[in-house]
């Protein structure tokens, strides 16, 4: 577990935003593990090849990142999290 790893609460928000995988063979890595790899790289700014060994292979993580970015999934996740953060800010500031 890393500081960039998704919490269970964060995963509940993000999971429905991810595309469904075509039914081929069972995946070796979960979407959550792949996202943890993406967030690790984005937070730490390391090379994709420098992901920790307990994460999915960097080629898998990077492939999903490119796919999800081009499909607008990454943008959708950012927008949804931004919306939730804005709603939380309104509640803490006492605004309706």
PDB file of N, CA and C in Angstrom:
ATOM      1  N   UNK A   1       0.856  -1.179   0.000  1.00  0.00           N
ATOM      2  CA  UNK A   1       0.000   0.000   0.000  1.00  0.00           C
ATOM      3  C   UNK A   1       0.896   1.234   0.000  1.00  0.00           C
ATOM      4  N   UNK A   2       0.559   2.150  -0.869  1.00  0.00           N
ATOM      5  CA  UNK A   2       1.330   3.375  -1.021  1.00  0.00           C
ATOM      6  C   UNK A   2       0.423   4.565  -0.732  1.00  0.00           C
ATOM      7  N   UNK A   3       1.014   5.725  -0.514  1.00  0.00           N
ATOM      8  CA  UNK A   3       0.197   6.913  -0.228  1.00  0.00           C
ATOM      9  C   UNK A   3      -0.684   7.279  -1.426  1.00  0.00           C
ATOM     10  N   UNK A   4      -0.331   6.820  -2.598  1.00  0.00           N
ATOM     11  CA  UNK A   4      -1.126   7.090  -3.794  1.00  0.00           C
ATOM     12  C   UNK A   4      -2.200   6.026  -4.038  1.00  0.00           C
ATOM     13  N   UNK A   5      -2.214   4.972  -3.221  1.00  0.00           N
ATOM     14  CA  UNK A   5      -3.179   3.881  -3.406  1.00  0.00           C
ATOM     15  C   UNK A   5      -4.590   4.343  -3.065  1.00  0.00           C
ATOM     16  N   UNK A   6      -5.551   3.817  -3.815  1.00  0.00           N
ATOM     17  CA  UNK A   6      -6.951   4.158  -3.576  1.00  0.00           C
ATOM     18  C   UNK A   6      -7.448   3.588  -2.251  1.00  0.00           C
ATOM     19  N   UNK A   7      -8.222   4.381  -1.533  1.00  0.00           N
ATOM     20  CA  UNK A   7      -8.910   3.867  -0.362  1.00  0.00           C
ATOM     21  C   UNK A   7     -10.169   3.144  -0.847  1.00  0.00           C
ATOM     22  N   UNK A   8     -10.782   2.374   0.032  1.00  0.00           N
ATOM     23  CA  UNK A   8     -12.021   1.689  -0.347  1.00  0.00           C
ATOM     24  C   UNK A   8     -13.101   2.695  -0.747  1.00  0.00           C
ATOM     25  N   UNK A   9     -13.182   3.805  -0.032  1.00  0.00           N
ATOM     26  CA  UNK A   9     -14.179   4.829  -0.338  1.00  0.00           C
ATOM     27  C   UNK A   9     -13.919   5.458  -1.708  1.00  0.00           C
ATOM     28  N   UNK A  10     -12.663   5.743  -2.013  1.00  0.00           N
ATOM     29  CA  UNK A  10     -12.315   6.304  -3.322  1.00  0.00           C
ATOM     30  C   UNK A  10     -12.639   5.310  -4.438  1.00  0.00           C
ATOM     31  N   UNK A  11     -12.348   4.041  -4.185  1.00  0.00           N
ATOM     32  CA  UNK A  11     -12.612   3.008  -5.184  1.00  0.00           C
ATOM     33  C   UNK A  11     -14.110   2.908  -5.483  1.00  0.00           C
ATOM     34  N   UNK A  12     -14.947   3.053  -4.471  1.00  0.00           N
ATOM     35  CA  UNK A  12     -16.393   2.998  -4.693  1.00  0.00           C
ATOM     36  C   UNK A  12     -16.866   4.123  -5.620  1.00  0.00           C
ATOM     37  N   UNK A  13     -16.195   5.252  -5.584  1.00  0.00           N
ATOM     38  CA  UNK A  13     -16.541   6.380  -6.447  1.00  0.00           C
ATOM     39  C   UNK A  13     -16.035   6.138  -7.872  1.00  0.00           C
ATOM     40  N   UNK A  14     -14.822   5.645  -8.001  1.00  0.00           N
ATOM     41  CA  UNK A  14     -14.165   5.539  -9.301  1.00  0.00           C
ATOM     42  C   UNK A  14     -14.573   4.295 -10.090  1.00  0.00           C
ATOM     43  N   UNK A  15     -14.779   3.197  -9.417  1.00  0.00           N
ATOM     44  CA  UNK A  15     -15.044   1.929 -10.124  1.00  0.00           C
ATOM     45  C   UNK A  15     -16.154   2.032 -11.177  1.00  0.00           C
ATOM     46  N   UNK A  16     -17.310   2.651 -10.854  1.00  0.00           N
ATOM     47  CA  UNK A  16     -18.367   2.714 -11.872  1.00  0.00           C
ATOM     48  C   UNK A  16     -18.003   3.565 -13.097  1.00  0.00           C
ATOM     49  N   UNK A  17     -16.972   4.379 -12.990  1.00  0.00           N
ATOM     50  CA  UNK A  17     -16.571   5.252 -14.099  1.00  0.00           C
ATOM     51  C   UNK A  17     -15.671   4.546 -15.109  1.00  0.00           C
ATOM     52  N   UNK A  18     -15.182   3.362 -14.738  1.00  0.00           N
ATOM     53  CA  UNK A  18     -14.267   2.628 -15.609  1.00  0.00           C
ATOM     54  C   UNK A  18     -15.039   1.787 -16.617  1.00  0.00           C
ATOM     55  N   UNK A  19     -14.491   1.672 -17.828  1.00  0.00           N
ATOM     56  CA  UNK A  19     -15.182   0.867 -18.839  1.00  0.00           C
ATOM     57  C   UNK A  19     -15.131  -0.616 -18.495  1.00  0.00           C
ATOM     58  N   UNK A  20     -16.146  -1.345 -18.950  1.00  0.00           N
ATOM     59  CA  UNK A  20     -16.159  -2.794 -18.766  1.00  0.00           C
ATOM     60  C   UNK A  20     -15.208  -3.434 -19.758  1.00  0.00           C
ATOM     61  N   UNK A  21     -14.525  -4.467 -19.292  1.00  0.00           N
ATOM     62  CA  UNK A  21     -13.590  -5.185 -20.149  1.00  0.00           C
ATOM     63  C   UNK A  21     -14.358  -6.164 -21.023  1.00  0.00           C
ATOM     64  N   UNK A  22     -13.895  -6.315 -22.246  1.00  0.00           N
ATOM     65  CA  UNK A  22     -14.489  -7.318 -23.114  1.00  0.00           C
ATOM     66  C   UNK A  22     -14.228  -8.690 -22.493  1.00  0.00           C
ATOM     67  N   UNK A  23     -15.191  -9.553 -22.589  1.00  0.00           N
ATOM     68  CA  UNK A  23     -15.039 -10.886 -22.006  1.00  0.00           C
ATOM     69  C   UNK A  23     -14.129 -11.740 -22.885  1.00  0.00           C
ATOM     70  N   UNK A  24     -12.893 -11.813 -22.489  1.00  0.00           N
ATOM     71  CA  UNK A  24     -11.940 -12.671 -23.181  1.00  0.00           C
ATOM     72  C   UNK A  24     -11.437 -13.690 -22.173  1.00  0.00           C
ATOM     73  N   UNK A  25     -10.361 -13.402 -21.552  1.00  0.00           N
ATOM     74  CA  UNK A  25      -9.871 -14.278 -20.485  1.00  0.00           C
ATOM     75  C   UNK A  25      -9.871 -13.490 -19.184  1.00  0.00           C
ATOM     76  N   UNK A  26      -9.887 -14.174 -18.075  1.00  0.00           N
ATOM     77  CA  UNK A  26      -9.875 -13.440 -16.792  1.00  0.00           C
ATOM     78  C   UNK A  26      -8.618 -12.577 -16.686  1.00  0.00           C
ATOM     79  N   UNK A  27      -8.774 -11.347 -16.216  1.00  0.00           N
ATOM     80  CA  UNK A  27      -7.606 -10.463 -16.108  1.00  0.00           C
ATOM     81  C   UNK A  27      -6.639 -10.936 -15.032  1.00  0.00           C
ATOM     82  N   UNK A  28      -5.370 -10.694 -15.285  1.00  0.00           N
ATOM     83  CA  UNK A  28      -4.333 -11.021 -14.300  1.00  0.00           C
ATOM     84  C   UNK A  28      -4.328  -9.987 -13.185  1.00  0.00           C
ATOM     85  N   UNK A  29      -4.608  -8.747 -13.543  1.00  0.00           N
ATOM     86  CA  UNK A  29      -4.580  -7.632 -12.593  1.00  0.00           C
ATOM     87  C   UNK A  29      -5.950  -6.977 -12.551  1.00  0.00           C
ATOM     88  N   UNK A  30      -6.352  -6.521 -11.375  1.00  0.00           N
ATOM     89  CA  UNK A  30      -7.639  -5.833 -11.243  1.00  0.00           C
ATOM     90  C   UNK A  30      -7.506  -4.398 -11.727  1.00  0.00           C
ATOM     91  N   UNK A  31      -8.630  -3.796 -12.048  1.00  0.00           N
ATOM     92  CA  UNK A  31      -8.625  -2.385 -12.446  1.00  0.00           C
ATOM     93  C   UNK A  31      -8.096  -1.519 -11.316  1.00  0.00           C
ATOM     94  N   UNK A  32      -8.408  -1.901 -10.102  1.00  0.00           N
ATOM     95  CA  UNK A  32      -7.930  -1.120  -8.949  1.00  0.00           C
ATOM     96  C   UNK A  32      -6.409  -1.166  -8.862  1.00  0.00           C
ATOM     97  N   UNK A  33      -5.817  -2.340  -9.080  1.00  0.00           N
ATOM     98  CA  UNK A  33      -4.353  -2.446  -9.046  1.00  0.00           C
ATOM     99  C   UNK A  33      -3.726  -1.616 -10.172  1.00  0.00           C
ATOM    100  N   UNK A  34      -4.362  -1.631 -11.332  1.00  0.00           N
ATOM    101  CA  UNK A  34      -3.855  -0.847 -12.456  1.00  0.00           C
ATOM    102  C   UNK A  34      -3.956   0.643 -12.154  1.00  0.00           C
ATOM    103  N   UNK A  35      -5.095   1.069 -11.604  1.00  0.00           N
ATOM    104  CA  UNK A  35      -5.240   2.486 -11.236  1.00  0.00           C
ATOM    105  C   UNK A  35      -4.239   2.885 -10.162  1.00  0.00           C
ATOM    106  N   UNK A  36      -3.993   2.001  -9.204  1.00  0.00           N
ATOM    107  CA  UNK A  36      -2.975   2.298  -8.185  1.00  0.00           C
ATOM    108  C   UNK A  36      -1.615   2.527  -8.851  1.00  0.00           C
ATOM    109  N   UNK A  37      -1.303   1.746  -9.886  1.00  0.00           N
ATOM    110  CA  UNK A  37      -0.056   1.944 -10.622  1.00  0.00           C
ATOM    111  C   UNK A  37      -0.026   3.284 -11.345  1.00  0.00           C
ATOM    112  N   UNK A  38      -1.148   3.636 -11.964  1.00  0.00           N
ATOM    113  CA  UNK A  38      -1.243   4.929 -12.661  1.00  0.00           C
ATOM    114  C   UNK A  38      -1.068   6.064 -11.666  1.00  0.00           C
ATOM    115  N   UNK A  39      -1.790   6.003 -10.551  1.00  0.00           N
ATOM    116  CA  UNK A  39      -1.700   7.077  -9.551  1.00  0.00           C
ATOM    117  C   UNK A  39      -0.318   7.147  -8.923  1.00  0.00           C
ATOM    118  N   UNK A  40       0.332   5.992  -8.736  1.00  0.00           N
ATOM    119  CA  UNK A  40       1.693   5.983  -8.194  1.00  0.00           C
ATOM    120  C   UNK A  40       2.623   6.760  -9.132  1.00  0.00           C
ATOM    121  N   UNK A  41       2.539   6.452 -10.420  1.00  0.00           N
ATOM    122  CA  UNK A  41       3.410   7.114 -11.392  1.00  0.00           C
ATOM    123  C   UNK A  41       3.116   8.613 -11.459  1.00  0.00           C
ATOM    124  N   UNK A  42       1.832   8.963 -11.494  1.00  0.00           N
ATOM    125  CA  UNK A  42       1.472  10.376 -11.594  1.00  0.00           C
ATOM    126  C   UNK A  42       1.894  11.151 -10.352  1.00  0.00           C
ATOM    127  N   UNK A  43       1.747  10.545  -9.187  1.00  0.00           N
ATOM    128  CA  UNK A  43       2.115  11.240  -7.945  1.00  0.00           C
ATOM    129  C   UNK A  43       3.626  11.393  -7.816  1.00  0.00           C
ATOM    130  N   UNK A  44       4.360  10.341  -8.155  1.00  0.00           N
ATOM    131  CA  UNK A  44       5.798  10.344  -7.930  1.00  0.00           C
ATOM    132  C   UNK A  44       6.611  10.824  -9.126  1.00  0.00           C
ATOM    133  N   UNK A  45       5.970  10.894 -10.282  1.00  0.00           N
ATOM    134  CA  UNK A  45       6.673  11.387 -11.459  1.00  0.00           C
ATOM    135  C   UNK A  45       7.809  10.491 -11.918  1.00  0.00           C
ATOM    136  N   UNK A  46       7.752   9.226 -11.576  1.00  0.00           N
ATOM    137  CA  UNK A  46       8.814   8.302 -11.964  1.00  0.00           C
ATOM    138  C   UNK A  46       8.584   7.821 -13.394  1.00  0.00           C
ATOM    139  N   UNK A  47       9.575   7.189 -13.955  1.00  0.00           N
ATOM    140  CA  UNK A  47       9.401   6.534 -15.243  1.00  0.00           C
ATOM    141  C   UNK A  47       8.427   5.377 -15.065  1.00  0.00           C
ATOM    142  N   UNK A  48       7.672   5.081 -16.112  1.00  0.00           N
ATOM    143  CA  UNK A  48       6.728   3.964 -16.024  1.00  0.00           C
ATOM    144  C   UNK A  48       7.455   2.679 -15.649  1.00  0.00           C
ATOM    145  N   UNK A  49       8.643   2.491 -16.174  1.00  0.00           N
ATOM    146  CA  UNK A  49       9.412   1.281 -15.896  1.00  0.00           C
ATOM    147  C   UNK A  49       9.908   1.174 -14.469  1.00  0.00           C
ATOM    148  N   UNK A  50       9.788   2.259 -13.694  1.00  0.00           N
ATOM    149  CA  UNK A  50      10.250   2.258 -12.304  1.00  0.00           C
ATOM    150  C   UNK A  50       9.134   1.996 -11.296  1.00  0.00           C
ATOM    151  N   UNK A  51       7.986   1.515 -11.767  1.00  0.00           N
ATOM    152  CA  UNK A  51       6.918   1.167 -10.816  1.00  0.00           C
ATOM    153  C   UNK A  51       7.411   0.057  -9.900  1.00  0.00           C
ATOM    154  N   UNK A  52       6.970   0.052  -8.639  1.00  0.00           N
ATOM    155  CA  UNK A  52       7.385  -1.014  -7.727  1.00  0.00           C
ATOM    156  C   UNK A  52       7.017  -2.392  -8.279  1.00  0.00           C
ATOM    157  N   UNK A  53       7.800  -3.374  -7.905  1.00  0.00           N
ATOM    158  CA  UNK A  53       7.625  -4.732  -8.435  1.00  0.00           C
ATOM    159  C   UNK A  53       6.345  -5.404  -7.971  1.00  0.00           C
ATOM    160  N   UNK A  54       5.722  -4.900  -6.894  1.00  0.00           N
ATOM    161  CA  UNK A  54       4.474  -5.515  -6.432  1.00  0.00           C
ATOM    162  C   UNK A  54       3.250  -4.953  -7.157  1.00  0.00           C
ATOM    163  N   UNK A  55       3.486  -4.054  -8.097  1.00  0.00           N
ATOM    164  CA  UNK A  55       2.403  -3.508  -8.918  1.00  0.00           C
ATOM    165  C   UNK A  55       2.376  -4.262 -10.242  1.00  0.00           C
ATOM    166  N   UNK A  56       1.296  -4.074 -11.009  1.00  0.00           N
ATOM    167  CA  UNK A  56       1.272  -4.702 -12.327  1.00  0.00           C
ATOM    168  C   UNK A  56       2.464  -4.232 -13.166  1.00  0.00           C
ATOM    169  N   UNK A  57       2.841  -5.005 -14.173  1.00  0.00           N
ATOM    170  CA  UNK A  57       3.954  -4.579 -15.035  1.00  0.00           C
ATOM    171  C   UNK A  57       3.674  -3.196 -15.635  1.00  0.00           C
ATOM    172  N   UNK A  58       4.726  -2.424 -15.774  1.00  0.00           N
ATOM    173  CA  UNK A  58       4.541  -1.052 -16.259  1.00  0.00           C
ATOM    174  C   UNK A  58       3.893  -1.028 -17.638  1.00  0.00           C
ATOM    175  N   UNK A  59       4.159  -2.026 -18.463  1.00  0.00           N
ATOM    176  CA  UNK A  59       3.558  -2.047 -19.805  1.00  0.00           C
ATOM    177  C   UNK A  59       2.038  -2.175 -19.708  1.00  0.00           C
ATOM    178  N   UNK A  60       1.553  -2.941 -18.757  1.00  0.00           N
ATOM    179  CA  UNK A  60       0.109  -3.095 -18.540  1.00  0.00           C
ATOM    180  C   UNK A  60      -0.489  -1.794 -18.016  1.00  0.00           C
ATOM    181  N   UNK A  61       0.167  -1.208 -17.037  1.00  0.00           N
ATOM    182  CA  UNK A  61      -0.320   0.032 -16.437  1.00  0.00           C
ATOM    183  C   UNK A  61      -0.341   1.149 -17.479  1.00  0.00           C
ATOM    184  N   UNK A  62       0.745   1.273 -18.232  1.00  0.00           N
ATOM    185  CA  UNK A  62       0.833   2.334 -19.229  1.00  0.00           C
ATOM    186  C   UNK A  62      -0.173   2.118 -20.351  1.00  0.00           C
ATOM    187  N   UNK A  63      -0.381   0.885 -20.785  1.00  0.00           N
ATOM    188  CA  UNK A  63      -1.354   0.592 -21.840  1.00  0.00           C
ATOM    189  C   UNK A  63      -2.745   1.031 -21.410  1.00  0.00           C
ATOM    190  N   UNK A  64      -3.136   0.683 -20.180  1.00  0.00           N
ATOM    191  CA  UNK A  64      -4.452   1.081 -19.681  1.00  0.00           C
ATOM    192  C   UNK A  64      -4.548   2.601 -19.541  1.00  0.00           C
ATOM    193  N   UNK A  65      -3.482   3.209 -19.063  1.00  0.00           N
ATOM    194  CA  UNK A  65      -3.477   4.670 -18.943  1.00  0.00           C
ATOM    195  C   UNK A  65      -3.731   5.310 -20.306  1.00  0.00           C
ATOM    196  N   UNK A  66      -3.025   4.869 -21.342  1.00  0.00           N
ATOM    197  CA  UNK A  66      -3.210   5.432 -22.686  1.00  0.00           C
ATOM    198  C   UNK A  66      -4.629   5.194 -23.187  1.00  0.00           C
ATOM    199  N   UNK A  67      -5.159   3.986 -22.986  1.00  0.00           N
ATOM    200  CA  UNK A  67      -6.509   3.668 -23.440  1.00  0.00           C
ATOM    201  C   UNK A  67      -7.536   4.546 -22.732  1.00  0.00           C
ATOM    202  N   UNK A  68      -7.453   4.587 -21.416  1.00  0.00           N
ATOM    203  CA  UNK A  68      -8.424   5.336 -20.624  1.00  0.00           C
ATOM    204  C   UNK A  68      -8.309   6.834 -20.882  1.00  0.00           C
ATOM    205  N   UNK A  69      -7.102   7.324 -21.095  1.00  0.00           N
ATOM    206  CA  UNK A  69      -6.921   8.737 -21.401  1.00  0.00           C
ATOM    207  C   UNK A  69      -7.565   9.074 -22.743  1.00  0.00           C
ATOM    208  N   UNK A  70      -7.317   8.250 -23.756  1.00  0.00           N
ATOM    209  CA  UNK A  70      -7.868   8.533 -25.085  1.00  0.00           C
ATOM    210  C   UNK A  70      -9.388   8.368 -25.126  1.00  0.00           C
ATOM    211  N   UNK A  71      -9.942   7.527 -24.248  1.00  0.00           N
ATOM    212  CA  UNK A  71     -11.393   7.335 -24.178  1.00  0.00           C
ATOM    213  C   UNK A  71     -12.075   8.384 -23.301  1.00  0.00           C
ATOM    214  N   UNK A  72     -11.298   9.242 -22.652  1.00  0.00           N
ATOM    215  CA  UNK A  72     -11.854  10.272 -21.786  1.00  0.00           C
ATOM    216  C   UNK A  72     -12.154   9.796 -20.377  1.00  0.00           C
ATOM    217  N   UNK A  73     -11.742   8.575 -20.049  1.00  0.00           N
ATOM    218  CA  UNK A  73     -12.035   8.017 -18.722  1.00  0.00           C
ATOM    219  C   UNK A  73     -11.281   8.781 -17.637  1.00  0.00           C
ATOM    220  N   UNK A  74     -10.015   9.086 -17.878  1.00  0.00           N
ATOM    221  CA  UNK A  74      -9.215   9.809 -16.882  1.00  0.00           C
ATOM    222  C   UNK A  74      -9.835  11.182 -16.620  1.00  0.00           C
ATOM    223  N   UNK A  75     -10.254  11.856 -17.690  1.00  0.00           N
ATOM    224  CA  UNK A  75     -10.888  13.170 -17.545  1.00  0.00           C
ATOM    225  C   UNK A  75     -12.196  13.050 -16.752  1.00  0.00           C
ATOM    226  N   UNK A  76     -12.984  12.028 -17.031  1.00  0.00           N
ATOM    227  CA  UNK A  76     -14.240  11.816 -16.320  1.00  0.00           C
ATOM    228  C   UNK A  76     -13.986  11.590 -14.832  1.00  0.00           C
ATOM    229  N   UNK A  77     -12.973  10.807 -14.513  1.00  0.00           N
ATOM    230  CA  UNK A  77     -12.621  10.565 -13.105  1.00  0.00           C
ATOM    231  C   UNK A  77     -12.253  11.879 -12.433  1.00  0.00           C
ATOM    232  N   UNK A  78     -11.414  12.675 -13.081  1.00  0.00           N
ATOM    233  CA  UNK A  78     -11.002  13.957 -12.503  1.00  0.00           C
ATOM    234  C   UNK A  78     -12.199  14.874 -12.302  1.00  0.00           C
ATOM    235  N   UNK A  79     -13.092  14.927 -13.278  1.00  0.00           N
ATOM    236  CA  UNK A  79     -14.268  15.788 -13.168  1.00  0.00           C
ATOM    237  C   UNK A  79     -15.186  15.336 -12.037  1.00  0.00           C
ATOM    238  N   UNK A  80     -15.393  14.034 -11.904  1.00  0.00           N
ATOM    239  CA  UNK A  80     -16.256  13.502 -10.845  1.00  0.00           C
ATOM    240  C   UNK A  80     -15.664  13.791  -9.463  1.00  0.00           C
ATOM    241  N   UNK A  81     -14.366  13.579  -9.322  1.00  0.00           N
ATOM    242  CA  UNK A  81     -13.718  13.852  -8.037  1.00  0.00           C
ATOM    243  C   UNK A  81     -13.747  15.351  -7.718  1.00  0.00           C
ATOM    244  N   UNK A  82     -13.583  16.181  -8.729  1.00  0.00           N
ATOM    245  CA  UNK A  82     -13.646  17.633  -8.534  1.00  0.00           C
ATOM    246  C   UNK A  82     -15.045  18.047  -8.075  1.00  0.00           C
ATOM    247  N   UNK A  83     -16.070  17.469  -8.693  1.00  0.00           N
ATOM    248  CA  UNK A  83     -17.445  17.767  -8.309  1.00  0.00           C
ATOM    249  C   UNK A  83     -17.706  17.375  -6.853  1.00  0.00           C
ATOM    250  N   UNK A  84     -17.253  16.204  -6.476  1.00  0.00           N
ATOM    251  CA  UNK A  84     -17.442  15.739  -5.098  1.00  0.00           C
ATOM    252  C   UNK A  84     -16.711  16.657  -4.123  1.00  0.00           C
ATOM    253  N   UNK A  85     -15.498  17.056  -4.466  1.00  0.00           N
ATOM    254  CA  UNK A  85     -14.728  17.954  -3.612  1.00  0.00           C
ATOM    255  C   UNK A  85     -15.427  19.300  -3.456  1.00  0.00           C
ATOM    256  N   UNK A  86     -15.972  19.825  -4.539  1.00  0.00           N
ATOM    257  CA  UNK A  86     -16.700  21.100  -4.474  1.00  0.00           C
ATOM    258  C   UNK A  86     -17.928  20.979  -3.570  1.00  0.00           C
ATOM    259  N   UNK A  87     -18.641  19.846  -3.668  1.00  0.00           N
ATOM    260  CA  UNK A  87     -19.813  19.631  -2.821  1.00  0.00           C
ATOM    261  C   UNK A  87     -19.414  19.555  -1.354  1.00  0.00           C
ATOM    262  N   UNK A  88     -18.291  18.903  -1.075  1.00  0.00           N
ATOM    263  CA  UNK A  88     -17.817  18.805   0.303  1.00  0.00           C
ATOM    264  C   UNK A  88     -17.410  20.179   0.832  1.00  0.00           C
ATOM    265  N   UNK A  89     -16.778  20.985  -0.005  1.00  0.00           N
ATOM    266  CA  UNK A  89     -16.382  22.332   0.398  1.00  0.00           C
ATOM    267  C   UNK A  89     -17.580  23.189   0.743  1.00  0.00           C
ATOM    268  N   UNK A  90     -18.663  23.065  -0.030  1.00  0.00           N
ATOM    269  CA  UNK A  90     -19.877  23.832   0.245  1.00  0.00           C
ATOM    270  C   UNK A  90     -20.440  23.444   1.609  1.00  0.00           C
ATOM    271  N   UNK A  91     -20.404  22.148   1.925  1.00  0.00           N
ATOM    272  CA  UNK A  91     -20.940  21.679   3.209  1.00  0.00           C
ATOM    273  C   UNK A  91     -20.099  22.203   4.365  1.00  0.00           C
ATOM    274  N   UNK A  92     -18.772  22.209   4.214  1.00  0.00           N
ATOM    275  CA  UNK A  92     -17.916  22.657   5.317  1.00  0.00           C
ATOM    276  C   UNK A  92     -17.943  24.169   5.480  1.00  0.00           C
ATOM    277  N   UNK A  93     -18.288  24.881   4.417  1.00  0.00           N
ATOM    278  CA  UNK A  93     -18.375  26.352   4.485  1.00  0.00           C
ATOM    279  C   UNK A  93     -19.769  26.810   4.869  1.00  0.00           C
ATOM    280  N   UNK A  94     -20.691  25.866   5.030  1.00  0.00           N
ATOM    281  CA  UNK A  94     -22.046  26.212   5.423  1.00  0.00           C
ATOM    282  C   UNK A  94     -22.926  26.719   4.297  1.00  0.00           C
ATOM    283  N   UNK A  95     -22.493  26.529   3.061  1.00  0.00           N
ATOM    284  CA  UNK A  95     -23.306  26.961   1.923  1.00  0.00           C
ATOM    285  C   UNK A  95     -24.274  25.849   1.550  1.00  0.00           C
ATOM    286  N   UNK A  96     -25.476  26.211   1.068  1.00  0.00           N
ATOM    287  CA  UNK A  96     -26.441  25.173   0.674  1.00  0.00           C
ATOM    288  C   UNK A  96     -26.034  24.447  -0.573  1.00  0.00           C
TER     289      UNK A  96
END
